[in-house]
């Protein structure tokens, strides 16, 4: 059954524990209900509002729509990754230099939500990214 195999897909996923994994299964149900990871992240309220016209892109704050509980778990997981990781990826270090910590945490939570959707939609296990050669 679907719920039986899901927590096993995230044994080493940073920021996603058993509680977040089971809450994601309860919220998502069938991953095919969403067309993409971005649509799932938007459903959770992790995508910024857009007010754009004439080619000028204006991004606002996150919409905070959707499931409050899962969004909170993802943001707390992202904060834990940021605060406890000794070796953050280059992308996150660059973002922390330019943006406030909470903005980076929400961006990482957005990425976690998209990753969860992809793992569920394609039935794969999380693989730790290979470190880049120095």
C-alpha atoms as a PDB file:
ATOM      1  CA  UNK A   1       0.000   0.000   0.000  1.00  0.00           C
ATOM      2  CA  UNK A   2       1.066   3.599  -0.639  1.00  0.00           C
ATOM      3  CA  UNK A   3       1.418   4.696   3.002  1.00  0.00           C
ATOM      4  CA  UNK A   4       3.526   1.630   3.816  1.00  0.00           C
ATOM      5  CA  UNK A   5       6.275   2.526   1.353  1.00  0.00           C
ATOM      6  CA  UNK A   6       6.380   6.298   1.821  1.00  0.00           C
ATOM      7  CA  UNK A   7       8.305   6.728   5.118  1.00  0.00           C
ATOM      8  CA  UNK A   8      10.936   4.332   3.748  1.00  0.00           C
ATOM      9  CA  UNK A   9      11.556   6.745   0.857  1.00  0.00           C
ATOM     10  CA  UNK A  10      12.922   9.381   3.277  1.00  0.00           C
ATOM     11  CA  UNK A  11      15.414   7.638   5.572  1.00  0.00           C
ATOM     12  CA  UNK A  12      18.170  10.238   5.062  1.00  0.00           C
ATOM     13  CA  UNK A  13      16.281  13.217   3.715  1.00  0.00           C
ATOM     14  CA  UNK A  14      17.398  16.391   5.514  1.00  0.00           C
ATOM     15  CA  UNK A  15      14.567  18.303   7.124  1.00  0.00           C
ATOM     16  CA  UNK A  16      11.973  15.562   6.665  1.00  0.00           C
ATOM     17  CA  UNK A  17      11.371  13.212   9.563  1.00  0.00           C
ATOM     18  CA  UNK A  18       8.731  10.600  10.201  1.00  0.00           C
ATOM     19  CA  UNK A  19       6.197  13.174  11.408  1.00  0.00           C
ATOM     20  CA  UNK A  20       6.599  15.336   8.298  1.00  0.00           C
ATOM     21  CA  UNK A  21       6.542  12.290   6.016  1.00  0.00           C
ATOM     22  CA  UNK A  22       3.300  10.938   7.441  1.00  0.00           C
ATOM     23  CA  UNK A  23       1.693  14.391   7.419  1.00  0.00           C
ATOM     24  CA  UNK A  24       2.672  14.743   3.741  1.00  0.00           C
ATOM     25  CA  UNK A  25       1.041  11.394   2.931  1.00  0.00           C
ATOM     26  CA  UNK A  26      -2.114  12.479   4.747  1.00  0.00           C
ATOM     27  CA  UNK A  27      -2.259  15.793   2.867  1.00  0.00           C
ATOM     28  CA  UNK A  28      -1.232  14.598  -0.584  1.00  0.00           C
ATOM     29  CA  UNK A  29      -3.000  11.269  -0.757  1.00  0.00           C
ATOM     30  CA  UNK A  30      -2.312  10.622  -4.431  1.00  0.00           C
ATOM     31  CA  UNK A  31       0.625  12.623  -5.816  1.00  0.00           C
ATOM     32  CA  UNK A  32      -0.939  12.534  -9.284  1.00  0.00           C
ATOM     33  CA  UNK A  33      -3.575  14.989  -8.020  1.00  0.00           C
ATOM     34  CA  UNK A  34      -0.959  17.724  -8.571  1.00  0.00           C
ATOM     35  CA  UNK A  35       0.546  18.346 -12.000  1.00  0.00           C
ATOM     36  CA  UNK A  36       3.936  19.440 -10.679  1.00  0.00           C
ATOM     37  CA  UNK A  37       5.958  20.066  -7.564  1.00  0.00           C
ATOM     38  CA  UNK A  38       5.359  23.784  -7.957  1.00  0.00           C
ATOM     39  CA  UNK A  39       1.616  23.218  -7.903  1.00  0.00           C
ATOM     40  CA  UNK A  40       1.970  21.186  -4.704  1.00  0.00           C
ATOM     41  CA  UNK A  41       4.155  23.877  -3.103  1.00  0.00           C
ATOM     42  CA  UNK A  42       1.594  26.502  -4.123  1.00  0.00           C
ATOM     43  CA  UNK A  43      -1.143  24.383  -2.553  1.00  0.00           C
ATOM     44  CA  UNK A  44       0.804  24.459   0.711  1.00  0.00           C
ATOM     45  CA  UNK A  45       1.274  28.226   0.488  1.00  0.00           C
ATOM     46  CA  UNK A  46       5.054  28.131   0.020  1.00  0.00           C
ATOM     47  CA  UNK A  47       5.127  30.053  -3.269  1.00  0.00           C
ATOM     48  CA  UNK A  48       5.314  33.878  -3.239  1.00  0.00           C
ATOM     49  CA  UNK A  49       2.416  35.940  -4.510  1.00  0.00           C
ATOM     50  CA  UNK A  50       3.023  37.591  -7.850  1.00  0.00           C
ATOM     51  CA  UNK A  51       1.905  41.037  -8.886  1.00  0.00           C
ATOM     52  CA  UNK A  52       3.570  41.470 -12.256  1.00  0.00           C
ATOM     53  CA  UNK A  53       2.822  43.526 -15.324  1.00  0.00           C
ATOM     54  CA  UNK A  54       4.668  44.831 -18.324  1.00  0.00           C
ATOM     55  CA  UNK A  55       7.550  42.414 -17.939  1.00  0.00           C
ATOM     56  CA  UNK A  56       8.398  43.642 -14.437  1.00  0.00           C
ATOM     57  CA  UNK A  57       8.208  40.799 -11.935  1.00  0.00           C
ATOM     58  CA  UNK A  58       7.099  41.700  -8.406  1.00  0.00           C
ATOM     59  CA  UNK A  59       7.164  38.883  -5.858  1.00  0.00           C
ATOM     60  CA  UNK A  60       5.421  39.316  -2.533  1.00  0.00           C
ATOM     61  CA  UNK A  61       5.235  37.232   0.621  1.00  0.00           C
ATOM     62  CA  UNK A  62       4.106  33.602   0.678  1.00  0.00           C
ATOM     63  CA  UNK A  63       0.378  33.119   0.275  1.00  0.00           C
ATOM     64  CA  UNK A  64      -0.101  31.031   3.470  1.00  0.00           C
ATOM     65  CA  UNK A  65      -2.946  29.077   1.909  1.00  0.00           C
ATOM     66  CA  UNK A  66      -3.377  25.348   2.148  1.00  0.00           C
ATOM     67  CA  UNK A  67      -2.392  23.030   4.953  1.00  0.00           C
ATOM     68  CA  UNK A  68      -0.953  25.045   7.853  1.00  0.00           C
ATOM     69  CA  UNK A  69       0.339  21.995   9.728  1.00  0.00           C
ATOM     70  CA  UNK A  70       2.435  20.564   6.887  1.00  0.00           C
ATOM     71  CA  UNK A  71       3.726  24.006   5.887  1.00  0.00           C
ATOM     72  CA  UNK A  72       4.821  24.597   9.498  1.00  0.00           C
ATOM     73  CA  UNK A  73       6.566  21.216   9.679  1.00  0.00           C
ATOM     74  CA  UNK A  74       8.417  21.867   6.419  1.00  0.00           C
ATOM     75  CA  UNK A  75       9.554  25.340   7.510  1.00  0.00           C
ATOM     76  CA  UNK A  76      10.731  24.031  10.899  1.00  0.00           C
ATOM     77  CA  UNK A  77      12.584  21.214   9.149  1.00  0.00           C
ATOM     78  CA  UNK A  78      14.241  23.726   6.841  1.00  0.00           C
ATOM     79  CA  UNK A  79      15.271  25.872   9.824  1.00  0.00           C
ATOM     80  CA  UNK A  80      16.780  22.788  11.459  1.00  0.00           C
ATOM     81  CA  UNK A  81      18.793  22.053   8.313  1.00  0.00           C
ATOM     82  CA  UNK A  82      20.078  25.630   8.166  1.00  0.00           C
ATOM     83  CA  UNK A  83      21.015  25.838  11.839  1.00  0.00           C
ATOM     84  CA  UNK A  84      22.555  22.388  12.273  1.00  0.00           C
ATOM     85  CA  UNK A  85      24.300  21.752   8.970  1.00  0.00           C
ATOM     86  CA  UNK A  86      28.060  22.090   9.133  1.00  0.00           C
ATOM     87  CA  UNK A  87      28.496  22.004   5.378  1.00  0.00           C
ATOM     88  CA  UNK A  88      25.651  23.818   3.678  1.00  0.00           C
ATOM     89  CA  UNK A  89      25.435  23.641  -0.107  1.00  0.00           C
ATOM     90  CA  UNK A  90      26.873  26.622  -1.967  1.00  0.00           C
ATOM     91  CA  UNK A  91      23.402  27.690  -3.067  1.00  0.00           C
ATOM     92  CA  UNK A  92      22.169  27.995   0.529  1.00  0.00           C
ATOM     93  CA  UNK A  93      25.297  29.793   1.709  1.00  0.00           C
ATOM     94  CA  UNK A  94      24.907  32.368  -1.057  1.00  0.00           C
ATOM     95  CA  UNK A  95      21.240  32.865  -0.185  1.00  0.00           C
ATOM     96  CA  UNK A  96      22.063  33.350   3.509  1.00  0.00           C
ATOM     97  CA  UNK A  97      24.481  36.122   2.593  1.00  0.00           C
ATOM     98  CA  UNK A  98      21.861  37.976   0.527  1.00  0.00           C
ATOM     99  CA  UNK A  99      18.590  37.186   2.320  1.00  0.00           C
ATOM    100  CA  UNK A 100      17.277  36.909   5.883  1.00  0.00           C
ATOM    101  CA  UNK A 101      17.363  33.462   7.484  1.00  0.00           C
ATOM    102  CA  UNK A 102      13.589  33.051   7.515  1.00  0.00           C
ATOM    103  CA  UNK A 103      13.332  33.818   3.801  1.00  0.00           C
ATOM    104  CA  UNK A 104      15.974  31.161   3.101  1.00  0.00           C
ATOM    105  CA  UNK A 105      14.106  28.718   5.371  1.00  0.00           C
ATOM    106  CA  UNK A 106      10.887  29.207   3.389  1.00  0.00           C
ATOM    107  CA  UNK A 107      12.788  28.769   0.107  1.00  0.00           C
ATOM    108  CA  UNK A 108      14.277  25.524   1.420  1.00  0.00           C
ATOM    109  CA  UNK A 109      10.832  24.389   2.643  1.00  0.00           C
ATOM    110  CA  UNK A 110       9.553  25.052  -0.888  1.00  0.00           C
ATOM    111  CA  UNK A 111      12.312  22.826  -2.264  1.00  0.00           C
ATOM    112  CA  UNK A 112      11.530  20.130   0.312  1.00  0.00           C
ATOM    113  CA  UNK A 113       7.855  20.179  -0.707  1.00  0.00           C
ATOM    114  CA  UNK A 114       8.789  19.815  -4.374  1.00  0.00           C
ATOM    115  CA  UNK A 115      11.147  16.945  -3.504  1.00  0.00           C
ATOM    116  CA  UNK A 116       8.430  15.175  -1.509  1.00  0.00           C
ATOM    117  CA  UNK A 117       6.038  15.503  -4.436  1.00  0.00           C
ATOM    118  CA  UNK A 118       8.626  14.157  -6.899  1.00  0.00           C
ATOM    119  CA  UNK A 119       9.435  11.160  -4.709  1.00  0.00           C
ATOM    120  CA  UNK A 120       5.761  10.336  -4.347  1.00  0.00           C
ATOM    121  CA  UNK A 121       4.821  10.970  -7.967  1.00  0.00           C
ATOM    122  CA  UNK A 122       7.646   8.878  -9.417  1.00  0.00           C
ATOM    123  CA  UNK A 123       7.932   6.279  -6.637  1.00  0.00           C
ATOM    124  CA  UNK A 124      11.639   6.838  -5.972  1.00  0.00           C
ATOM    125  CA  UNK A 125      13.799   6.937  -2.855  1.00  0.00           C
ATOM    126  CA  UNK A 126      15.724  10.004  -1.729  1.00  0.00           C
ATOM    127  CA  UNK A 127      19.353   9.965  -2.837  1.00  0.00           C
ATOM    128  CA  UNK A 128      21.943  12.130  -1.122  1.00  0.00           C
ATOM    129  CA  UNK A 129      23.489  14.455  -3.718  1.00  0.00           C
ATOM    130  CA  UNK A 130      27.090  13.642  -4.551  1.00  0.00           C
ATOM    131  CA  UNK A 131      29.570  16.242  -3.262  1.00  0.00           C
ATOM    132  CA  UNK A 132      31.204  18.396  -5.904  1.00  0.00           C
ATOM    133  CA  UNK A 133      34.926  17.846  -6.449  1.00  0.00           C
ATOM    134  CA  UNK A 134      37.087  20.460  -4.776  1.00  0.00           C
END
